Every structure is written in structure tokens, then in C-alpha cells.
Amino acid sequence: MAPLLVQAGHEVTGLDTGYFTEARLGDEPERPFPVLAKDLRELTTRDLEGFEAVVHLAGLSNDALGEISSRVTHAINHHASMRLALLAKAAGVHRYVYSSSCSVYGRSNEAVVTEKSKLDPQTDYALCKMLDERDISELADDRFSPTFLRNGTAYGASPRMRFDLVVNNLAGLAWTSGRIAMVSDGTPWRPIVHVLDICQAFLKTLAAPREAVHNEVFNVGRTDENYQIREIAACLATVFPRCEVSFGQSDPDQRSYRVSFDKIHERLPGFACDWDLTRGATQLRDLFEAVSLTEDQFRFRAFTRLRQLKHLIDTGQLDAEFFWTRS
């Protein structure tokens, strides 16, 4: 996100506490911008003075992370998010673009959900997203303009790689083992969206007239990029040669939803999704070939949010509140 904002002409300062700095394939990514090495929970009004906008991506970004601590998940993903919005407003920040998630729809009975559909979060992660949207929206006024972008399930190559996302994970299996053997039946629906299209949604939101985005919610993705997980696996098998695919009998994960993305394409000026699953899978295959991805690399803990945080806690680098124990 940050390098693309710089390329678009914005003056950017990053914020990162550094849990996942090991999650890289290839060379260390360039940082053509300063980075504030600080925990979200420790920000002050002074840290935000002089900024015109906040792009809020920070948080424990995985549904499964609630397994470690529901309490800490809420402390970071909800309470600290709300505090950040209050600090930003107090510091005179005018635009606040919040990274939400289509996971707030949970287990929907609707054929296709829209921004007006009932929310049914199934995890602490999704519940915090719903609470953040509700509480931050109440801060909106003539001086403070929040926008909420409900991203589909992200995928694609990035400088800080993740393999705990469905497309990235299945692509990694296809490359390293030549087999996608799923324990589930692959019937649940997921809306997927390439990470670069997510970045474009944020860029277009920052550039949009205030009246177009003030206190609005947008689903981020393409309506024709809703897939059953078995369809994702089948597509990957065509992109990764000689990959075998098999499925189980049921799916313990009850989240299943198809999402309409008509609103963002109709109402966010200049926004369009450039990526589809086949193109994104090809990008991943080309990356794996370029770095000669091995199975050991693919399974390295840093590329999976839950495993990396457990490692940092088990080795004493993070305390029970997920604060660094080192200075």
C-alpha cells in the first residue's frame, strides 16, 4: 500500500510494530518513506499531527488469531482502532480510510450480500471489524470523514508475503507438492480480490470528492470473482501444471457468502479491478519460479500469522498482551 501511495504523489509515513518483518520472499522490499516503529496501542495525538489522512490497515489480520487470545484481539482490533480514530480526529486528520472485511457477513442466508445486508460475524476478527465500523462512523462530522472498505478475501504476491490466505495457500501447495488435497468439500463461497486492487480502492477513496465517500461503506472486489473454494482449486490446477486436486466430505468452516461489488464500481470515481483469479494465480506461479520457492520456505512460520505470533510468544519476544519484551 505505502509504495503505491508514494507513487501516486502522497507523502507517506508508515506505522508498523514489526511482527512479520521476516515474511519476505526474495530481497528486502524498498521503503521510499519513513516508518514509525510503534505499536498501534501506544500512539499519541502528537504522532498524528500534521497528517491529512489515515489509512488504517493495522490489526491482527486473520480470523484464526482469536484462538490465541480473544481479549487481546479485541484490545488491538477494536479498542485500539477506536482510540486511533479519536486521536486522528483530535489531531485534525480529515480523511480516515478503514480496512474492513467481507467476513462481517459471516454465514449469510442471502443469495448475494450487499452493503445493506445483515451482518453475522463468526469470529473475533470479524466481530471487531463490525464494531469498528459502527463506532468510528459515529465520529463522522464536517471535519472528520471516515470511509469503510470491506475487502474480499485478499490474495496475490506482496513484499510481505502471506500463505494463510486461501488462494496463496493453495497456490503454494500446488507449486511445492503438485497436489491440492483439501479436507473440506470446497463448497463454501468466498469473494476474492487481488491485493493490488485493494490498494487501488484506498487510493481512489483518498482522491474522491468528500461527498462521494463520507461515512460510506464499500465492498471491495468484483462480483464475478465470487468462487466456491473448489473452483479456486480447479483454476489453480490449470495454472500450475501437473497439479492434482482432491476434496473431503464436509467443511467445518461455516463461513460462506457471495458478495455484490456493484456499489464501489458505480459510486467510487475511477475505481476498477484489474485482476482476476487466473491472472493472479499466474503472478504467484511466476513469483515462485523467480525465487525458486521450496517447501521449507512455503511452510516457514513467518508467512502464517497465527504460527508467527505463537512463535514470538513462545520464545518470550512478546508478552501476554502482545507487546515486545525487548526495548
C-alpha atoms as a PDB file:
ATOM      1  CA  MET A   1       0.000   0.000   0.000  1.00  0.00           C
ATOM      2  CA  ALA A   2       2.585   2.551   1.092  1.00  0.00           C
ATOM      3  CA  PRO A   3       4.849   2.418  -2.014  1.00  0.00           C
ATOM      4  CA  LEU A   4       1.787   2.795  -4.254  1.00  0.00           C
ATOM      5  CA  LEU A   5       0.673   5.835  -2.257  1.00  0.00           C
ATOM      6  CA  VAL A   6       4.146   7.322  -2.733  1.00  0.00           C
ATOM      7  CA  GLN A   7       3.994   6.622  -6.477  1.00  0.00           C
ATOM      8  CA  ALA A   8       0.649   8.441  -6.594  1.00  0.00           C
ATOM      9  CA  GLY A   9       2.276  11.566  -5.154  1.00  0.00           C
ATOM     10  CA  HIS A  10       1.356  11.264  -1.484  1.00  0.00           C
ATOM     11  CA  GLU A  11       3.810  11.966   1.315  1.00  0.00           C
ATOM     12  CA  VAL A  12       3.630   8.819   3.427  1.00  0.00           C
ATOM     13  CA  THR A  13       4.756   7.741   6.883  1.00  0.00           C
ATOM     14  CA  GLY A  14       4.380   4.068   7.714  1.00  0.00           C
ATOM     15  CA  LEU A  15       3.451   2.569  11.074  1.00  0.00           C
ATOM     16  CA  ASP A  16       4.486  -0.974  11.975  1.00  0.00           C
ATOM     17  CA  THR A  17       5.309  -2.777  15.176  1.00  0.00           C
ATOM     18  CA  GLY A  18       7.273  -5.407  13.231  1.00  0.00           C
ATOM     19  CA  TYR A  19       5.688  -8.783  13.974  1.00  0.00           C
ATOM     20  CA  PHE A  20       6.115 -10.002  10.397  1.00  0.00           C
ATOM     21  CA  THR A  21       9.360  -8.472   9.111  1.00  0.00           C
ATOM     22  CA  GLU A  22      10.671 -11.981   8.359  1.00  0.00           C
ATOM     23  CA  ALA A  23       7.801 -12.682   5.950  1.00  0.00           C
ATOM     24  CA  ARG A  24       9.561 -11.912   2.699  1.00  0.00           C
ATOM     25  CA  LEU A  25      10.407 -13.813  -0.456  1.00  0.00           C
ATOM     26  CA  GLY A  26      13.498 -12.519  -2.191  1.00  0.00           C
ATOM     27  CA  ASP A  27      15.100  -9.170  -1.461  1.00  0.00           C
ATOM     28  CA  GLU A  28      14.033  -6.857   1.333  1.00  0.00           C
ATOM     29  CA  PRO A  29      11.314  -4.549  -0.080  1.00  0.00           C
ATOM     30  CA  GLU A  30      12.186  -0.939  -0.726  1.00  0.00           C
ATOM     31  CA  ARG A  31      10.836   1.648   1.696  1.00  0.00           C
ATOM     32  CA  PRO A  32      10.762   5.052  -0.029  1.00  0.00           C
ATOM     33  CA  PHE A  33       9.146   6.548   3.065  1.00  0.00           C
ATOM     34  CA  PRO A  34       9.840   6.843   6.814  1.00  0.00           C
ATOM     35  CA  VAL A  35       8.380   4.219   9.156  1.00  0.00           C
ATOM     36  CA  LEU A  36       7.312   4.827  12.740  1.00  0.00           C
ATOM     37  CA  ALA A  37       8.238   1.655  14.658  1.00  0.00           C
ATOM     38  CA  LYS A  38       5.483   1.704  17.235  1.00  0.00           C
ATOM     39  CA  ASP A  39       2.575  -0.379  18.488  1.00  0.00           C
ATOM     40  CA  LEU A  40      -0.855   0.864  17.460  1.00  0.00           C
ATOM     41  CA  ARG A  41      -1.864   0.933  21.119  1.00  0.00           C
ATOM     42  CA  GLU A  42       0.940   3.341  22.039  1.00  0.00           C
ATOM     43  CA  LEU A  43       0.241   6.144  19.564  1.00  0.00           C
ATOM     44  CA  THR A  44      -0.323   9.688  20.800  1.00  0.00           C
ATOM     45  CA  THR A  45      -2.009  12.715  19.301  1.00  0.00           C
ATOM     46  CA  ARG A  46       1.428  14.153  18.575  1.00  0.00           C
ATOM     47  CA  ASP A  47       2.217  11.151  16.330  1.00  0.00           C
ATOM     48  CA  LEU A  48      -0.737  12.128  14.123  1.00  0.00           C
ATOM     49  CA  GLU A  49      -0.308  15.894  13.976  1.00  0.00           C
ATOM     50  CA  GLY A  50       0.176  17.312  10.501  1.00  0.00           C
ATOM     51  CA  PHE A  51      -1.363  14.396   8.642  1.00  0.00           C
ATOM     52  CA  GLU A  52      -4.329  14.865   6.317  1.00  0.00           C
ATOM     53  CA  ALA A  53      -5.372  11.211   6.181  1.00  0.00           C
ATOM     54  CA  VAL A  54      -5.004   7.886   7.962  1.00  0.00           C
ATOM     55  CA  VAL A  55      -5.087   4.614   6.020  1.00  0.00           C
ATOM     56  CA  HIS A  56      -5.880   2.141   8.768  1.00  0.00           C
ATOM     57  CA  LEU A  57      -4.629  -1.370   7.965  1.00  0.00           C
ATOM     58  CA  ALA A  58      -3.199  -2.216  11.389  1.00  0.00           C
ATOM     59  CA  GLY A  59      -4.508  -5.127  13.435  1.00  0.00           C
ATOM     60  CA  LEU A  60      -4.332  -8.872  13.943  1.00  0.00           C
ATOM     61  CA  SER A  61      -5.330  -9.715  10.385  1.00  0.00           C
ATOM     62  CA  ASN A  62      -6.565 -13.276  10.447  1.00  0.00           C
ATOM     63  CA  ASP A  63      -9.785 -14.936  11.587  1.00  0.00           C
ATOM     64  CA  ALA A  64      -7.873 -17.685  13.410  1.00  0.00           C
ATOM     65  CA  LEU A  65      -5.819 -15.303  15.570  1.00  0.00           C
ATOM     66  CA  GLY A  66      -8.639 -15.123  18.089  1.00  0.00           C
ATOM     67  CA  GLU A  67      -7.536 -18.644  19.082  1.00  0.00           C
ATOM     68  CA  ILE A  68      -4.530 -17.171  20.903  1.00  0.00           C
ATOM     69  CA  SER A  69      -6.443 -14.568  22.900  1.00  0.00           C
ATOM     70  CA  SER A  70      -9.909 -13.224  22.292  1.00  0.00           C
ATOM     71  CA  ARG A  71      -9.223 -10.489  24.838  1.00  0.00           C
ATOM     72  CA  VAL A  72      -6.054  -9.229  23.147  1.00  0.00           C
ATOM     73  CA  THR A  73      -7.690  -9.463  19.735  1.00  0.00           C
ATOM     74  CA  HIS A  74     -10.421  -7.100  20.925  1.00  0.00           C
ATOM     75  CA  ALA A  75      -7.855  -4.846  22.641  1.00  0.00           C
ATOM     76  CA  ILE A  76      -5.914  -4.379  19.404  1.00  0.00           C
ATOM     77  CA  ASN A  77      -8.530  -4.749  16.689  1.00  0.00           C
ATOM     78  CA  HIS A  78     -11.357  -2.845  18.344  1.00  0.00           C
ATOM     79  CA  HIS A  79     -10.311  -0.725  21.309  1.00  0.00           C
ATOM     80  CA  ALA A  80      -7.016   0.447  19.762  1.00  0.00           C
ATOM     81  CA  SER A  81      -8.738   1.068  16.430  1.00  0.00           C
ATOM     82  CA  MET A  82     -11.350   3.224  18.092  1.00  0.00           C
ATOM     83  CA  ARG A  83      -8.656   5.052  20.040  1.00  0.00           C
ATOM     84  CA  LEU A  84      -6.724   5.702  16.818  1.00  0.00           C
ATOM     85  CA  ALA A  85      -9.802   7.261  15.228  1.00  0.00           C
ATOM     86  CA  LEU A  86     -10.309   9.506  18.260  1.00  0.00           C
ATOM     87  CA  LEU A  87      -6.641  10.561  18.224  1.00  0.00           C
ATOM     88  CA  ALA A  88      -6.785  11.233  14.488  1.00  0.00           C
ATOM     89  CA  LYS A  89      -9.855  13.403  14.859  1.00  0.00           C
ATOM     90  CA  ALA A  90      -8.267  15.314  17.752  1.00  0.00           C
ATOM     91  CA  ALA A  91      -5.117  15.867  15.666  1.00  0.00           C
ATOM     92  CA  GLY A  92      -7.107  17.380  12.797  1.00  0.00           C
ATOM     93  CA  VAL A  93      -6.948  14.437  10.379  1.00  0.00           C
ATOM     94  CA  HIS A  94      -9.736  14.892   7.830  1.00  0.00           C
ATOM     95  CA  ARG A  95      -9.851  11.536   5.977  1.00  0.00           C
ATOM     96  CA  TYR A  96      -9.885   8.159   7.716  1.00  0.00           C
ATOM     97  CA  VAL A  97      -9.951   5.112   5.429  1.00  0.00           C
ATOM     98  CA  TYR A  98     -10.591   1.934   7.401  1.00  0.00           C
ATOM     99  CA  SER A  99      -9.737  -1.543   6.136  1.00  0.00           C
ATOM    100  CA  SER A 100     -12.754  -3.687   6.965  1.00  0.00           C
ATOM    101  CA  SER A 101     -13.635  -7.128   5.630  1.00  0.00           C
ATOM    102  CA  CYS A 102     -16.391  -9.038   3.879  1.00  0.00           C
ATOM    103  CA  SER A 103     -16.008 -11.583   6.700  1.00  0.00           C
ATOM    104  CA  VAL A 104     -18.501  -9.427   8.639  1.00  0.00           C
ATOM    105  CA  TYR A 105     -21.236 -11.126   6.563  1.00  0.00           C
ATOM    106  CA  GLY A 106     -20.350 -14.489   8.078  1.00  0.00           C
ATOM    107  CA  ARG A 107     -22.879 -17.203   7.363  1.00  0.00           C
ATOM    108  CA  SER A 108     -25.422 -15.385   5.246  1.00  0.00           C
ATOM    109  CA  ASN A 109     -28.751 -16.774   4.047  1.00  0.00           C
ATOM    110  CA  GLU A 110     -28.949 -14.198   1.269  1.00  0.00           C
ATOM    111  CA  ALA A 111     -28.059 -15.299  -2.252  1.00  0.00           C
ATOM    112  CA  VAL A 112     -25.806 -12.251  -2.633  1.00  0.00           C
ATOM    113  CA  VAL A 113     -24.975  -9.800   0.165  1.00  0.00           C
ATOM    114  CA  THR A 114     -24.676  -6.047  -0.271  1.00  0.00           C
ATOM    115  CA  GLU A 115     -23.526  -3.231   1.980  1.00  0.00           C
ATOM    116  CA  LYS A 116     -27.079  -3.100   3.367  1.00  0.00           C
ATOM    117  CA  SER A 117     -27.249  -6.798   4.286  1.00  0.00           C
ATOM    118  CA  LYS A 118     -27.436  -8.029   7.855  1.00  0.00           C
ATOM    119  CA  LEU A 119     -24.030  -8.693   9.412  1.00  0.00           C
ATOM    120  CA  ASP A 120     -23.312 -12.034  11.048  1.00  0.00           C
ATOM    121  CA  PRO A 121     -19.653 -12.144  12.180  1.00  0.00           C
ATOM    122  CA  GLN A 122     -18.459 -15.643  13.103  1.00  0.00           C
ATOM    123  CA  THR A 123     -15.062 -14.816  14.617  1.00  0.00           C
ATOM    124  CA  ASP A 124     -13.494 -12.247  16.933  1.00  0.00           C
ATOM    125  CA  TYR A 125     -11.715 -10.754  13.921  1.00  0.00           C
ATOM    126  CA  ALA A 126     -14.984 -10.197  12.054  1.00  0.00           C
ATOM    127  CA  LEU A 127     -16.800  -9.012  15.170  1.00  0.00           C
ATOM    128  CA  CYS A 128     -14.143  -6.351  15.770  1.00  0.00           C
ATOM    129  CA  LYS A 129     -14.499  -5.167  12.177  1.00  0.00           C
ATOM    130  CA  MET A 130     -18.239  -4.760  12.691  1.00  0.00           C
ATOM    131  CA  LEU A 131     -17.764  -2.898  15.992  1.00  0.00           C
ATOM    132  CA  ASP A 132     -15.124  -0.610  14.475  1.00  0.00           C
ATOM    133  CA  GLU A 133     -17.420   0.334  11.600  1.00  0.00           C
ATOM    134  CA  ARG A 134     -20.260   1.089  13.997  1.00  0.00           C
ATOM    135  CA  ASP A 135     -18.280   3.140  16.497  1.00  0.00           C
ATOM    136  CA  ILE A 136     -15.985   5.035  14.120  1.00  0.00           C
ATOM    137  CA  SER A 137     -18.921   6.029  11.927  1.00  0.00           C
ATOM    138  CA  GLU A 138     -20.399   7.852  14.920  1.00  0.00           C
ATOM    139  CA  LEU A 139     -17.378  10.202  14.884  1.00  0.00           C
ATOM    140  CA  ALA A 140     -18.158  11.449  11.380  1.00  0.00           C
ATOM    141  CA  ASP A 141     -18.847  15.166  11.089  1.00  0.00           C
ATOM    142  CA  ASP A 142     -17.883  18.173   8.977  1.00  0.00           C
ATOM    143  CA  ARG A 143     -14.229  17.870   9.996  1.00  0.00           C
ATOM    144  CA  PHE A 144     -13.753  14.095  10.124  1.00  0.00           C
ATOM    145  CA  SER A 145     -14.691  11.859   7.206  1.00  0.00           C
ATOM    146  CA  PRO A 146     -14.327   8.083   7.621  1.00  0.00           C
ATOM    147  CA  THR A 147     -14.803   5.527   4.843  1.00  0.00           C
ATOM    148  CA  PHE A 148     -15.076   1.769   5.379  1.00  0.00           C
ATOM    149  CA  LEU A 149     -13.733  -0.618   2.744  1.00  0.00           C
ATOM    150  CA  ARG A 150     -14.933  -4.198   3.202  1.00  0.00           C
ATOM    151  CA  ASN A 151     -12.293  -6.137   1.316  1.00  0.00           C
ATOM    152  CA  GLY A 152     -12.960  -9.535  -0.141  1.00  0.00           C
ATOM    153  CA  THR A 153     -10.510 -12.335   0.702  1.00  0.00           C
ATOM    154  CA  ALA A 154      -7.128 -10.945  -0.319  1.00  0.00           C
ATOM    155  CA  TYR A 155      -4.552 -12.800  -2.389  1.00  0.00           C
ATOM    156  CA  GLY A 156      -1.555 -12.132  -4.603  1.00  0.00           C
ATOM    157  CA  ALA A 157       2.162 -11.500  -4.369  1.00  0.00           C
ATOM    158  CA  SER A 158       3.352  -8.825  -1.967  1.00  0.00           C
ATOM    159  CA  PRO A 159       6.613  -7.696  -0.319  1.00  0.00           C
ATOM    160  CA  ARG A 160       5.395  -9.144   2.991  1.00  0.00           C
ATOM    161  CA  MET A 161       4.070 -12.472   1.747  1.00  0.00           C
ATOM    162  CA  ARG A 162       1.237 -14.401   3.387  1.00  0.00           C
ATOM    163  CA  PHE A 163       0.447 -18.066   2.877  1.00  0.00           C
ATOM    164  CA  ASP A 164      -2.522 -18.223   5.264  1.00  0.00           C
ATOM    165  CA  LEU A 165      -4.889 -16.799   2.614  1.00  0.00           C
ATOM    166  CA  VAL A 166      -6.871 -19.328   0.609  1.00  0.00           C
ATOM    167  CA  VAL A 167      -5.579 -18.558  -2.899  1.00  0.00           C
ATOM    168  CA  ASN A 168      -1.976 -18.030  -1.775  1.00  0.00           C
ATOM    169  CA  ASN A 169      -2.059 -21.176   0.340  1.00  0.00           C
ATOM    170  CA  LEU A 170      -3.467 -23.409  -2.386  1.00  0.00           C
ATOM    171  CA  ALA A 171      -1.028 -21.917  -4.919  1.00  0.00           C
ATOM    172  CA  GLY A 172       1.861 -22.692  -2.573  1.00  0.00           C
ATOM    173  CA  LEU A 173       0.669 -26.282  -2.218  1.00  0.00           C
ATOM    174  CA  ALA A 174       0.327 -26.615  -5.980  1.00  0.00           C
ATOM    175  CA  TRP A 175       3.896 -25.383  -6.537  1.00  0.00           C
ATOM    176  CA  THR A 176       5.700 -27.233  -3.740  1.00  0.00           C
ATOM    177  CA  SER A 177       3.853 -30.556  -3.686  1.00  0.00           C
ATOM    178  CA  GLY A 178       1.999 -30.764  -7.008  1.00  0.00           C
ATOM    179  CA  ARG A 179      -1.155 -31.601  -5.090  1.00  0.00           C
ATOM    180  CA  ILE A 180      -4.058 -29.718  -3.523  1.00  0.00           C
ATOM    181  CA  ALA A 181      -5.573 -32.211  -1.087  1.00  0.00           C
ATOM    182  CA  MET A 182      -8.423 -30.487   0.746  1.00  0.00           C
ATOM    183  CA  VAL A 183     -10.014 -31.896   3.883  1.00  0.00           C
ATOM    184  CA  SER A 184     -13.203 -29.941   3.129  1.00  0.00           C
ATOM    185  CA  ASP A 185     -15.661 -30.426   0.304  1.00  0.00           C
ATOM    186  CA  GLY A 186     -14.784 -26.993  -1.093  1.00  0.00           C
ATOM    187  CA  THR A 187     -18.397 -25.843  -1.383  1.00  0.00           C
ATOM    188  CA  PRO A 188     -18.280 -22.602   0.686  1.00  0.00           C
ATOM    189  CA  TRP A 189     -18.280 -19.375  -1.290  1.00  0.00           C
ATOM    190  CA  ARG A 190     -15.614 -16.702  -0.969  1.00  0.00           C
ATOM    191  CA  PRO A 191     -15.270 -13.332  -2.673  1.00  0.00           C
ATOM    192  CA  ILE A 192     -11.615 -12.894  -3.600  1.00  0.00           C
ATOM    193  CA  VAL A 193      -9.754  -9.704  -4.533  1.00  0.00           C
ATOM    194  CA  HIS A 194      -6.148  -9.101  -5.504  1.00  0.00           C
ATOM    195  CA  VAL A 195      -4.084  -7.078  -3.049  1.00  0.00           C
ATOM    196  CA  LEU A 196      -3.249  -4.504  -5.735  1.00  0.00           C
ATOM    197  CA  ASP A 197      -6.954  -3.931  -6.411  1.00  0.00           C
ATOM    198  CA  ILE A 198      -7.444  -3.373  -2.677  1.00  0.00           C
ATOM    199  CA  CYS A 199      -4.683  -0.762  -2.810  1.00  0.00           C
ATOM    200  CA  GLN A 200      -6.419   0.945  -5.728  1.00  0.00           C
ATOM    201  CA  ALA A 201      -9.639   1.152  -3.723  1.00  0.00           C
ATOM    202  CA  PHE A 202      -7.795   3.039  -0.976  1.00  0.00           C
ATOM    203  CA  LEU A 203      -6.063   5.316  -3.482  1.00  0.00           C
ATOM    204  CA  LYS A 204      -9.342   6.181  -5.201  1.00  0.00           C
ATOM    205  CA  THR A 205     -11.038   6.780  -1.849  1.00  0.00           C
ATOM    206  CA  LEU A 206      -8.349   9.281  -0.824  1.00  0.00           C
ATOM    207  CA  ALA A 207      -8.697  11.083  -4.158  1.00  0.00           C
ATOM    208  CA  ALA A 208     -12.510  11.058  -4.284  1.00  0.00           C
ATOM    209  CA  PRO A 209     -14.666  14.093  -3.520  1.00  0.00           C
ATOM    210  CA  ARG A 210     -15.641  14.071   0.128  1.00  0.00           C
ATOM    211  CA  GLU A 211     -19.356  13.734  -0.636  1.00  0.00           C
ATOM    212  CA  ALA A 212     -18.708  10.518  -2.571  1.00  0.00           C
ATOM    213  CA  VAL A 213     -17.062   8.677   0.317  1.00  0.00           C
ATOM    214  CA  HIS A 214     -18.085  10.425   3.551  1.00  0.00           C
ATOM    215  CA  ASN A 215     -19.114   7.776   6.112  1.00  0.00           C
ATOM    216  CA  GLU A 216     -19.751   5.286   3.296  1.00  0.00           C
ATOM    217  CA  VAL A 217     -19.238   1.520   3.249  1.00  0.00           C
ATOM    218  CA  PHE A 218     -17.955  -0.160   0.087  1.00  0.00           C
ATOM    219  CA  ASN A 219     -17.426  -3.840  -0.607  1.00  0.00           C
ATOM    220  CA  VAL A 220     -14.086  -4.124  -2.421  1.00  0.00           C
ATOM    221  CA  GLY A 221     -13.813  -6.643  -5.235  1.00  0.00           C
ATOM    222  CA  ARG A 222     -15.564  -7.832  -8.391  1.00  0.00           C
ATOM    223  CA  THR A 223     -18.940  -9.541  -8.416  1.00  0.00           C
ATOM    224  CA  ASP A 224     -17.694 -12.102 -10.958  1.00  0.00           C
ATOM    225  CA  GLU A 225     -14.820 -13.002  -8.612  1.00  0.00           C
ATOM    226  CA  ASN A 226     -17.031 -14.895  -6.145  1.00  0.00           C
ATOM    227  CA  TYR A 227     -15.912 -18.529  -6.154  1.00  0.00           C
ATOM    228  CA  GLN A 228     -16.556 -21.761  -4.365  1.00  0.00           C
ATOM    229  CA  ILE A 229     -13.247 -22.905  -2.907  1.00  0.00           C
ATOM    230  CA  ARG A 230     -13.318 -25.996  -5.121  1.00  0.00           C
ATOM    231  CA  GLU A 231     -13.472 -23.667  -8.144  1.00  0.00           C
ATOM    232  CA  ILE A 232     -10.387 -21.821  -6.904  1.00  0.00           C
ATOM    233  CA  ALA A 233      -8.537 -25.134  -6.597  1.00  0.00           C
ATOM    234  CA  ALA A 234      -9.604 -26.172 -10.099  1.00  0.00           C
ATOM    235  CA  CYS A 235      -8.392 -22.874 -11.573  1.00  0.00           C
ATOM    236  CA  LEU A 236      -5.028 -23.206  -9.840  1.00  0.00           C
ATOM    237  CA  ALA A 237      -4.657 -26.726 -11.231  1.00  0.00           C
ATOM    238  CA  THR A 238      -4.795 -25.259 -14.739  1.00  0.00           C
ATOM    239  CA  VAL A 239      -2.152 -22.614 -13.950  1.00  0.00           C
ATOM    240  CA  PHE A 240       0.207 -24.969 -12.086  1.00  0.00           C
ATOM    241  CA  PRO A 241       0.905 -27.875 -14.478  1.00  0.00           C
ATOM    242  CA  ARG A 242       0.569 -31.480 -13.257  1.00  0.00           C
ATOM    243  CA  CYS A 243      -1.213 -30.420 -10.064  1.00  0.00           C
ATOM    244  CA  GLU A 244      -3.699 -32.945  -8.659  1.00  0.00           C
ATOM    245  CA  VAL A 245      -6.801 -31.811  -6.749  1.00  0.00           C
ATOM    246  CA  SER A 246      -8.888 -33.783  -4.250  1.00  0.00           C
ATOM    247  CA  PHE A 247     -11.645 -32.894  -1.758  1.00  0.00           C
ATOM    248  CA  GLY A 248     -13.049 -34.160   1.534  1.00  0.00           C
ATOM    249  CA  GLN A 249     -16.646 -34.781   2.534  1.00  0.00           C
ATOM    250  CA  SER A 250     -17.651 -31.700   4.527  1.00  0.00           C
ATOM    251  CA  ASP A 251     -16.432 -28.304   5.668  1.00  0.00           C
ATOM    252  CA  PRO A 252     -16.043 -27.389   9.367  1.00  0.00           C
ATOM    253  CA  ASP A 253     -15.716 -23.715   8.418  1.00  0.00           C
ATOM    254  CA  GLN A 254     -19.301 -22.450   8.286  1.00  0.00           C
ATOM    255  CA  ARG A 255     -18.470 -19.100   6.675  1.00  0.00           C
ATOM    256  CA  SER A 256     -19.954 -18.911   3.208  1.00  0.00           C
ATOM    257  CA  TYR A 257     -21.092 -15.798   1.386  1.00  0.00           C
ATOM    258  CA  ARG A 258     -21.328 -14.296  -2.083  1.00  0.00           C
ATOM    259  CA  VAL A 259     -20.894 -10.540  -2.302  1.00  0.00           C
ATOM    260  CA  SER A 260     -22.126  -7.834  -4.641  1.00  0.00           C
ATOM    261  CA  PHE A 261     -19.488  -5.262  -5.551  1.00  0.00           C
ATOM    262  CA  ASP A 262     -21.749  -3.113  -7.706  1.00  0.00           C
ATOM    263  CA  LYS A 263     -21.708  -0.107  -5.367  1.00  0.00           C
ATOM    264  CA  ILE A 264     -17.965   0.547  -5.444  1.00  0.00           C
ATOM    265  CA  HIS A 265     -17.814   0.283  -9.238  1.00  0.00           C
ATOM    266  CA  GLU A 266     -20.783   2.618  -9.618  1.00  0.00           C
ATOM    267  CA  ARG A 267     -20.007   5.204  -6.954  1.00  0.00           C
ATOM    268  CA  LEU A 268     -16.253   5.368  -6.281  1.00  0.00           C
ATOM    269  CA  PRO A 269     -14.835   7.595  -9.044  1.00  0.00           C
ATOM    270  CA  GLY A 270     -12.253   5.896 -11.232  1.00  0.00           C
ATOM    271  CA  PHE A 271     -12.228   2.551  -9.433  1.00  0.00           C
ATOM    272  CA  ALA A 272     -11.948  -0.723 -11.339  1.00  0.00           C
ATOM    273  CA  CYS A 273     -10.488  -4.128 -10.528  1.00  0.00           C
ATOM    274  CA  ASP A 274      -7.655  -5.053 -12.900  1.00  0.00           C
ATOM    275  CA  TRP A 275      -7.025  -8.590 -11.622  1.00  0.00           C
ATOM    276  CA  ASP A 276      -8.897 -11.873 -11.924  1.00  0.00           C
ATOM    277  CA  LEU A 277      -8.074 -15.277 -10.430  1.00  0.00           C
ATOM    278  CA  THR A 278      -6.250 -16.658 -13.465  1.00  0.00           C
ATOM    279  CA  ARG A 279      -4.024 -13.600 -13.775  1.00  0.00           C
ATOM    280  CA  GLY A 280      -3.351 -13.543 -10.031  1.00  0.00           C
ATOM    281  CA  ALA A 281      -2.518 -17.257  -9.942  1.00  0.00           C
ATOM    282  CA  THR A 282      -0.114 -16.756 -12.846  1.00  0.00           C
ATOM    283  CA  GLN A 283       1.560 -13.916 -10.937  1.00  0.00           C
ATOM    284  CA  LEU A 284       2.049 -16.239  -7.947  1.00  0.00           C
ATOM    285  CA  ARG A 285       3.446 -19.017 -10.147  1.00  0.00           C
ATOM    286  CA  ASP A 286       5.913 -16.586 -11.733  1.00  0.00           C
ATOM    287  CA  LEU A 287       6.992 -15.351  -8.279  1.00  0.00           C
ATOM    288  CA  PHE A 288       7.551 -18.888  -7.000  1.00  0.00           C
ATOM    289  CA  GLU A 289       9.619 -19.674 -10.077  1.00  0.00           C
ATOM    290  CA  ALA A 290      11.666 -16.478  -9.737  1.00  0.00           C
ATOM    291  CA  VAL A 291      12.600 -17.184  -6.089  1.00  0.00           C
ATOM    292  CA  SER A 292      12.759 -20.991  -6.519  1.00  0.00           C
ATOM    293  CA  LEU A 293      10.238 -21.439  -3.700  1.00  0.00           C
ATOM    294  CA  THR A 294      10.922 -24.568  -1.640  1.00  0.00           C
ATOM    295  CA  GLU A 295       8.543 -26.440   0.627  1.00  0.00           C
ATOM    296  CA  ASP A 296      10.580 -25.351   3.658  1.00  0.00           C
ATOM    297  CA  GLN A 297      10.160 -21.704   2.646  1.00  0.00           C
ATOM    298  CA  PHE A 298       6.454 -22.177   1.989  1.00  0.00           C
ATOM    299  CA  ARG A 299       5.955 -23.666   5.442  1.00  0.00           C
ATOM    300  CA  PHE A 300       8.144 -21.122   7.248  1.00  0.00           C
ATOM    301  CA  ARG A 301       6.246 -19.757  10.254  1.00  0.00           C
ATOM    302  CA  ALA A 302       6.594 -16.075   9.334  1.00  0.00           C
ATOM    303  CA  PHE A 303       4.295 -16.465   6.330  1.00  0.00           C
ATOM    304  CA  THR A 304       1.410 -17.601   8.569  1.00  0.00           C
ATOM    305  CA  ARG A 305       0.072 -15.026  11.022  1.00  0.00           C
ATOM    306  CA  LEU A 306      -1.023 -17.487  13.712  1.00  0.00           C
ATOM    307  CA  ARG A 307       2.208 -19.517  13.718  1.00  0.00           C
ATOM    308  CA  GLN A 308       4.428 -16.431  13.757  1.00  0.00           C
ATOM    309  CA  LEU A 309       2.675 -14.843  16.728  1.00  0.00           C
ATOM    310  CA  LYS A 310       2.733 -18.127  18.648  1.00  0.00           C
ATOM    311  CA  HIS A 311       6.470 -18.337  17.947  1.00  0.00           C
ATOM    312  CA  LEU A 312       7.089 -14.791  19.227  1.00  0.00           C
ATOM    313  CA  ILE A 313       5.106 -15.534  22.392  1.00  0.00           C
ATOM    314  CA  ASP A 314       6.646 -18.984  22.976  1.00  0.00           C
ATOM    315  CA  THR A 315      10.183 -17.596  22.605  1.00  0.00           C
ATOM    316  CA  GLY A 316       9.466 -14.744  25.022  1.00  0.00           C
ATOM    317  CA  GLN A 317       9.738 -11.981  22.440  1.00  0.00           C
ATOM    318  CA  LEU A 318       6.114 -10.928  23.028  1.00  0.00           C
ATOM    319  CA  ASP A 319       4.358 -10.841  26.384  1.00  0.00           C
ATOM    320  CA  ALA A 320       0.800 -11.976  27.088  1.00  0.00           C
ATOM    321  CA  GLU A 321      -0.533  -8.653  25.788  1.00  0.00           C
ATOM    322  CA  PHE A 322       1.440  -8.977  22.507  1.00  0.00           C
ATOM    323  CA  PHE A 323       3.815  -6.147  23.452  1.00  0.00           C
ATOM    324  CA  TRP A 324       7.506  -6.618  22.660  1.00  0.00           C
ATOM    325  CA  THR A 325       9.553  -7.637  25.695  1.00  0.00           C
ATOM    326  CA  ARG A 326      12.696  -6.047  24.180  1.00  0.00           C
ATOM    327  CA  SER A 327      13.263  -2.292  24.077  1.00  0.00           C
END
